[in-house]
């Protein structure tokens, strides 16, 4: 599964960074950015308080 981040909803809180088991998410310019190391586990999708992260369809 691929993760996508809606940068208009992301407020850069870092909740996703804290729960990512493979450290595939960083905060850049106050927004979350997912790297190719993402394994698609969905931990960040469940943790994001702004629903800014989703599985890409």
PDB file of N, CA and C in Angstrom:
ATOM      1  N   UNK A   1       0.838  -1.187   0.000  1.00  0.00           N
ATOM      2  CA  UNK A   1       0.000   0.000   0.000  1.00  0.00           C
ATOM      3  C   UNK A   1       0.879   1.246   0.000  1.00  0.00           C
ATOM      4  N   UNK A   2       0.421   2.253  -0.676  1.00  0.00           N
ATOM      5  CA  UNK A   2       1.132   3.522  -0.712  1.00  0.00           C
ATOM      6  C   UNK A   2       0.374   4.541   0.128  1.00  0.00           C
ATOM      7  N   UNK A   3       1.126   5.338   0.865  1.00  0.00           N
ATOM      8  CA  UNK A   3       0.556   6.373   1.721  1.00  0.00           C
ATOM      9  C   UNK A   3       0.644   7.717   1.002  1.00  0.00           C
ATOM     10  N   UNK A   4      -0.397   8.521   1.121  1.00  0.00           N
ATOM     11  CA  UNK A   4      -0.380   9.870   0.569  1.00  0.00           C
ATOM     12  C   UNK A   4      -0.731  10.866   1.670  1.00  0.00           C
ATOM     13  N   UNK A   5      -0.123  12.037   1.591  1.00  0.00           N
ATOM     14  CA  UNK A   5      -0.362  13.076   2.589  1.00  0.00           C
ATOM     15  C   UNK A   5      -0.988  14.282   1.914  1.00  0.00           C
ATOM     16  N   UNK A   6      -2.138  14.693   2.414  1.00  0.00           N
ATOM     17  CA  UNK A   6      -2.815  15.895   1.928  1.00  0.00           C
ATOM     18  C   UNK A   6      -2.196  17.089   2.648  1.00  0.00           C
ATOM     19  N   UNK A   7      -1.333  17.797   1.957  1.00  0.00           N
ATOM     20  CA  UNK A   7      -0.594  18.898   2.571  1.00  0.00           C
ATOM     21  C   UNK A   7      -1.491  20.060   2.977  1.00  0.00           C
ATOM     22  N   UNK A   8      -2.697  20.123   2.447  1.00  0.00           N
ATOM     23  CA  UNK A   8      -3.617  21.186   2.865  1.00  0.00           C
ATOM     24  C   UNK A   8      -4.221  20.885   4.237  1.00  0.00           C
ATOM     25  N   UNK A   9      -4.252  19.614   4.618  1.00  0.00           N
ATOM     26  CA  UNK A   9      -4.792  19.220   5.923  1.00  0.00           C
ATOM     27  C   UNK A   9      -3.707  19.057   6.983  1.00  0.00           C
ATOM     28  N   UNK A  10      -2.486  18.779   6.550  1.00  0.00           N
ATOM     29  CA  UNK A  10      -1.385  18.530   7.486  1.00  0.00           C
ATOM     30  C   UNK A  10      -0.969  19.825   8.178  1.00  0.00           C
ATOM     31  N   UNK A  11      -0.869  19.763   9.520  1.00  0.00           N
ATOM     32  CA  UNK A  11      -0.417  20.945  10.259  1.00  0.00           C
ATOM     33  C   UNK A  11       0.985  20.762  10.840  1.00  0.00           C
ATOM     34  N   UNK A  12       1.639  19.666  10.455  1.00  0.00           N
ATOM     35  CA  UNK A  12       3.011  19.438  10.894  1.00  0.00           C
ATOM     36  C   UNK A  12       3.155  19.058  12.352  1.00  0.00           C
ATOM     37  N   UNK A  13       2.121  18.478  12.946  1.00  0.00           N
ATOM     38  CA  UNK A  13       2.150  18.157  14.384  1.00  0.00           C
ATOM     39  C   UNK A  13       3.164  17.077  14.736  1.00  0.00           C
ATOM     40  N   UNK A  14       3.490  16.201  13.776  1.00  0.00           N
ATOM     41  CA  UNK A  14       4.495  15.170  14.013  1.00  0.00           C
ATOM     42  C   UNK A  14       3.976  13.881  14.615  1.00  0.00           C
ATOM     43  N   UNK A  15       2.671  13.754  14.795  1.00  0.00           N
ATOM     44  CA  UNK A  15       2.115  12.516  15.349  1.00  0.00           C
ATOM     45  C   UNK A  15       2.480  11.318  14.475  1.00  0.00           C
ATOM     46  N   UNK A  16       2.469  11.501  13.185  1.00  0.00           N
ATOM     47  CA  UNK A  16       2.805  10.427  12.251  1.00  0.00           C
ATOM     48  C   UNK A  16       4.273  10.017  12.380  1.00  0.00           C
ATOM     49  N   UNK A  17       5.135  10.993  12.578  1.00  0.00           N
ATOM     50  CA  UNK A  17       6.571  10.729  12.736  1.00  0.00           C
ATOM     51  C   UNK A  17       6.791   9.842  13.958  1.00  0.00           C
ATOM     52  N   UNK A  18       6.097  10.153  15.029  1.00  0.00           N
ATOM     53  CA  UNK A  18       6.263   9.422  16.288  1.00  0.00           C
ATOM     54  C   UNK A  18       5.838   7.959  16.202  1.00  0.00           C
ATOM     55  N   UNK A  19       4.850   7.639  15.367  1.00  0.00           N
ATOM     56  CA  UNK A  19       4.343   6.263  15.311  1.00  0.00           C
ATOM     57  C   UNK A  19       4.906   5.430  14.164  1.00  0.00           C
ATOM     58  N   UNK A  20       5.617   6.038  13.241  1.00  0.00           N
ATOM     59  CA  UNK A  20       6.140   5.293  12.090  1.00  0.00           C
ATOM     60  C   UNK A  20       7.231   4.314  12.540  1.00  0.00           C
ATOM     61  N   UNK A  21       7.008   3.007  12.352  1.00  0.00           N
ATOM     62  CA  UNK A  21       7.974   2.014  12.820  1.00  0.00           C
ATOM     63  C   UNK A  21       9.263   1.955  12.002  1.00  0.00           C
ATOM     64  N   UNK A  22       9.256   2.530  10.805  1.00  0.00           N
ATOM     65  CA  UNK A  22      10.459   2.492   9.961  1.00  0.00           C
ATOM     66  C   UNK A  22      11.043   3.885   9.716  1.00  0.00           C
ATOM     67  N   UNK A  23      10.566   4.872  10.465  1.00  0.00           N
ATOM     68  CA  UNK A  23      11.063   6.256  10.341  1.00  0.00           C
ATOM     69  C   UNK A  23      11.019   6.774   8.906  1.00  0.00           C
ATOM     70  N   UNK A  24       9.893   6.527   8.238  1.00  0.00           N
ATOM     71  CA  UNK A  24       9.745   6.913   6.837  1.00  0.00           C
ATOM     72  C   UNK A  24       9.081   8.276   6.649  1.00  0.00           C
ATOM     73  N   UNK A  25       8.744   8.948   7.742  1.00  0.00           N
ATOM     74  CA  UNK A  25       8.081  10.248   7.641  1.00  0.00           C
ATOM     75  C   UNK A  25       8.920  11.298   8.341  1.00  0.00           C
ATOM     76  N   UNK A  26       9.067  12.440   7.675  1.00  0.00           N
ATOM     77  CA  UNK A  26       9.778  13.585   8.244  1.00  0.00           C
ATOM     78  C   UNK A  26       8.878  14.803   8.141  1.00  0.00           C
ATOM     79  N   UNK A  27       9.184  15.800   8.937  1.00  0.00           N
ATOM     80  CA  UNK A  27       8.506  17.087   8.811  1.00  0.00           C
ATOM     81  C   UNK A  27       9.456  18.017   8.071  1.00  0.00           C
ATOM     82  N   UNK A  28       9.004  18.512   6.924  1.00  0.00           N
ATOM     83  CA  UNK A  28       9.774  19.458   6.117  1.00  0.00           C
ATOM     84  C   UNK A  28       8.887  20.655   5.824  1.00  0.00           C
ATOM     85  N   UNK A  29       9.384  21.826   6.112  1.00  0.00           N
ATOM     86  CA  UNK A  29       8.632  23.064   5.911  1.00  0.00           C
ATOM     87  C   UNK A  29       7.251  22.986   6.569  1.00  0.00           C
ATOM     88  N   UNK A  30       7.235  22.439   7.792  1.00  0.00           N
ATOM     89  CA  UNK A  30       6.030  22.336   8.622  1.00  0.00           C
ATOM     90  C   UNK A  30       4.954  21.416   8.049  1.00  0.00           C
ATOM     91  N   UNK A  31       5.360  20.470   7.189  1.00  0.00           N
ATOM     92  CA  UNK A  31       4.428  19.498   6.621  1.00  0.00           C
ATOM     93  C   UNK A  31       5.083  18.120   6.620  1.00  0.00           C
ATOM     94  N   UNK A  32       4.280  17.081   6.784  1.00  0.00           N
ATOM     95  CA  UNK A  32       4.792  15.713   6.754  1.00  0.00           C
ATOM     96  C   UNK A  32       5.118  15.307   5.325  1.00  0.00           C
ATOM     97  N   UNK A  33       6.224  14.572   5.195  1.00  0.00           N
ATOM     98  CA  UNK A  33       6.658  14.048   3.903  1.00  0.00           C
ATOM     99  C   UNK A  33       7.004  12.578   4.109  1.00  0.00           C
ATOM    100  N   UNK A  34       6.454  11.709   3.268  1.00  0.00           N
ATOM    101  CA  UNK A  34       6.715  10.275   3.384  1.00  0.00           C
ATOM    102  C   UNK A  34       7.780   9.875   2.364  1.00  0.00           C
ATOM    103  N   UNK A  35       8.717   9.035   2.790  1.00  0.00           N
ATOM    104  CA  UNK A  35       9.809   8.607   1.915  1.00  0.00           C
ATOM    105  C   UNK A  35       9.520   7.233   1.316  1.00  0.00           C
ATOM    106  N   UNK A  36      10.417   6.799   0.452  1.00  0.00           N
ATOM    107  CA  UNK A  36      10.271   5.501  -0.201  1.00  0.00           C
ATOM    108  C   UNK A  36      10.438   4.337   0.768  1.00  0.00           C
ATOM    109  N   UNK A  37      10.953   4.598   1.960  1.00  0.00           N
ATOM    110  CA  UNK A  37      11.124   3.547   2.963  1.00  0.00           C
ATOM    111  C   UNK A  37       9.793   3.095   3.568  1.00  0.00           C
ATOM    112  N   UNK A  38       8.723   3.819   3.285  1.00  0.00           N
ATOM    113  CA  UNK A  38       7.397   3.493   3.817  1.00  0.00           C
ATOM    114  C   UNK A  38       7.013   2.059   3.436  1.00  0.00           C
ATOM    115  N   UNK A  39       6.547   1.298   4.435  1.00  0.00           N
ATOM    116  CA  UNK A  39       6.127  -0.080   4.207  1.00  0.00           C
ATOM    117  C   UNK A  39       4.602  -0.219   4.129  1.00  0.00           C
ATOM    118  N   UNK A  40       3.884   0.901   4.244  1.00  0.00           N
ATOM    119  CA  UNK A  40       2.431   0.887   4.104  1.00  0.00           C
ATOM    120  C   UNK A  40       1.685   0.227   5.245  1.00  0.00           C
ATOM    121  N   UNK A  41       2.231   0.306   6.448  1.00  0.00           N
ATOM    122  CA  UNK A  41       1.603  -0.361   7.600  1.00  0.00           C
ATOM    123  C   UNK A  41       0.324   0.333   8.065  1.00  0.00           C
ATOM    124  N   UNK A  42       0.206   1.638   7.811  1.00  0.00           N
ATOM    125  CA  UNK A  42      -1.000   2.372   8.182  1.00  0.00           C
ATOM    126  C   UNK A  42      -0.998   2.978   9.570  1.00  0.00           C
ATOM    127  N   UNK A  43       0.086   2.841  10.310  1.00  0.00           N
ATOM    128  CA  UNK A  43       0.140   3.413  11.660  1.00  0.00           C
ATOM    129  C   UNK A  43      -0.114   4.917  11.621  1.00  0.00           C
ATOM    130  N   UNK A  44       0.456   5.595  10.660  1.00  0.00           N
ATOM    131  CA  UNK A  44       0.297   7.047  10.546  1.00  0.00           C
ATOM    132  C   UNK A  44      -1.125   7.430  10.152  1.00  0.00           C
ATOM    133  N   UNK A  45      -1.750   6.609   9.318  1.00  0.00           N
ATOM    134  CA  UNK A  45      -3.126   6.872   8.890  1.00  0.00           C
ATOM    135  C   UNK A  45      -4.041   6.903  10.111  1.00  0.00           C
ATOM    136  N   UNK A  46      -3.853   5.948  10.995  1.00  0.00           N
ATOM    137  CA  UNK A  46      -4.683   5.852  12.200  1.00  0.00           C
ATOM    138  C   UNK A  46      -4.367   6.943  13.210  1.00  0.00           C
ATOM    139  N   UNK A  47      -3.151   7.449  13.225  1.00  0.00           N
ATOM    140  CA  UNK A  47      -2.715   8.401  14.244  1.00  0.00           C
ATOM    141  C   UNK A  47      -2.999   9.860  13.893  1.00  0.00           C
ATOM    142  N   UNK A  48      -3.071  10.195  12.621  1.00  0.00           N
ATOM    143  CA  UNK A  48      -3.195  11.594  12.197  1.00  0.00           C
ATOM    144  C   UNK A  48      -4.498  12.226  12.702  1.00  0.00           C
ATOM    145  N   UNK A  49      -4.398  13.268  13.527  1.00  0.00           N
ATOM    146  CA  UNK A  49      -5.602  13.901  14.074  1.00  0.00           C
ATOM    147  C   UNK A  49      -6.372  14.740  13.053  1.00  0.00           C
ATOM    148  N   UNK A  50      -5.736  15.049  11.927  1.00  0.00           N
ATOM    149  CA  UNK A  50      -6.374  15.891  10.912  1.00  0.00           C
ATOM    150  C   UNK A  50      -6.833  15.111   9.685  1.00  0.00           C
ATOM    151  N   UNK A  51      -6.698  13.791   9.741  1.00  0.00           N
ATOM    152  CA  UNK A  51      -7.059  12.936   8.608  1.00  0.00           C
ATOM    153  C   UNK A  51      -6.361  13.380   7.330  1.00  0.00           C
ATOM    154  N   UNK A  52      -5.108  13.787   7.475  1.00  0.00           N
ATOM    155  CA  UNK A  52      -4.328  14.256   6.333  1.00  0.00           C
ATOM    156  C   UNK A  52      -3.604  13.122   5.620  1.00  0.00           C
ATOM    157  N   UNK A  53      -3.555  11.950   6.245  1.00  0.00           N
ATOM    158  CA  UNK A  53      -2.826  10.818   5.678  1.00  0.00           C
ATOM    159  C   UNK A  53      -3.812   9.718   5.331  1.00  0.00           C
ATOM    160  N   UNK A  54      -3.649   9.153   4.137  1.00  0.00           N
ATOM    161  CA  UNK A  54      -4.554   8.100   3.686  1.00  0.00           C
ATOM    162  C   UNK A  54      -3.800   7.126   2.795  1.00  0.00           C
ATOM    163  N   UNK A  55      -4.395   5.968   2.592  1.00  0.00           N
ATOM    164  CA  UNK A  55      -3.858   5.033   1.616  1.00  0.00           C
ATOM    165  C   UNK A  55      -4.227   5.549   0.237  1.00  0.00           C
ATOM    166  N   UNK A  56      -3.260   5.534  -0.674  1.00  0.00           N
ATOM    167  CA  UNK A  56      -3.505   6.001  -2.040  1.00  0.00           C
ATOM    168  C   UNK A  56      -4.303   4.944  -2.777  1.00  0.00           C
ATOM    169  N   UNK A  57      -5.313   5.394  -3.493  1.00  0.00           N
ATOM    170  CA  UNK A  57      -6.182   4.471  -4.236  1.00  0.00           C
ATOM    171  C   UNK A  57      -5.641   4.210  -5.611  1.00  0.00           C
TER     172      UNK A  57
END
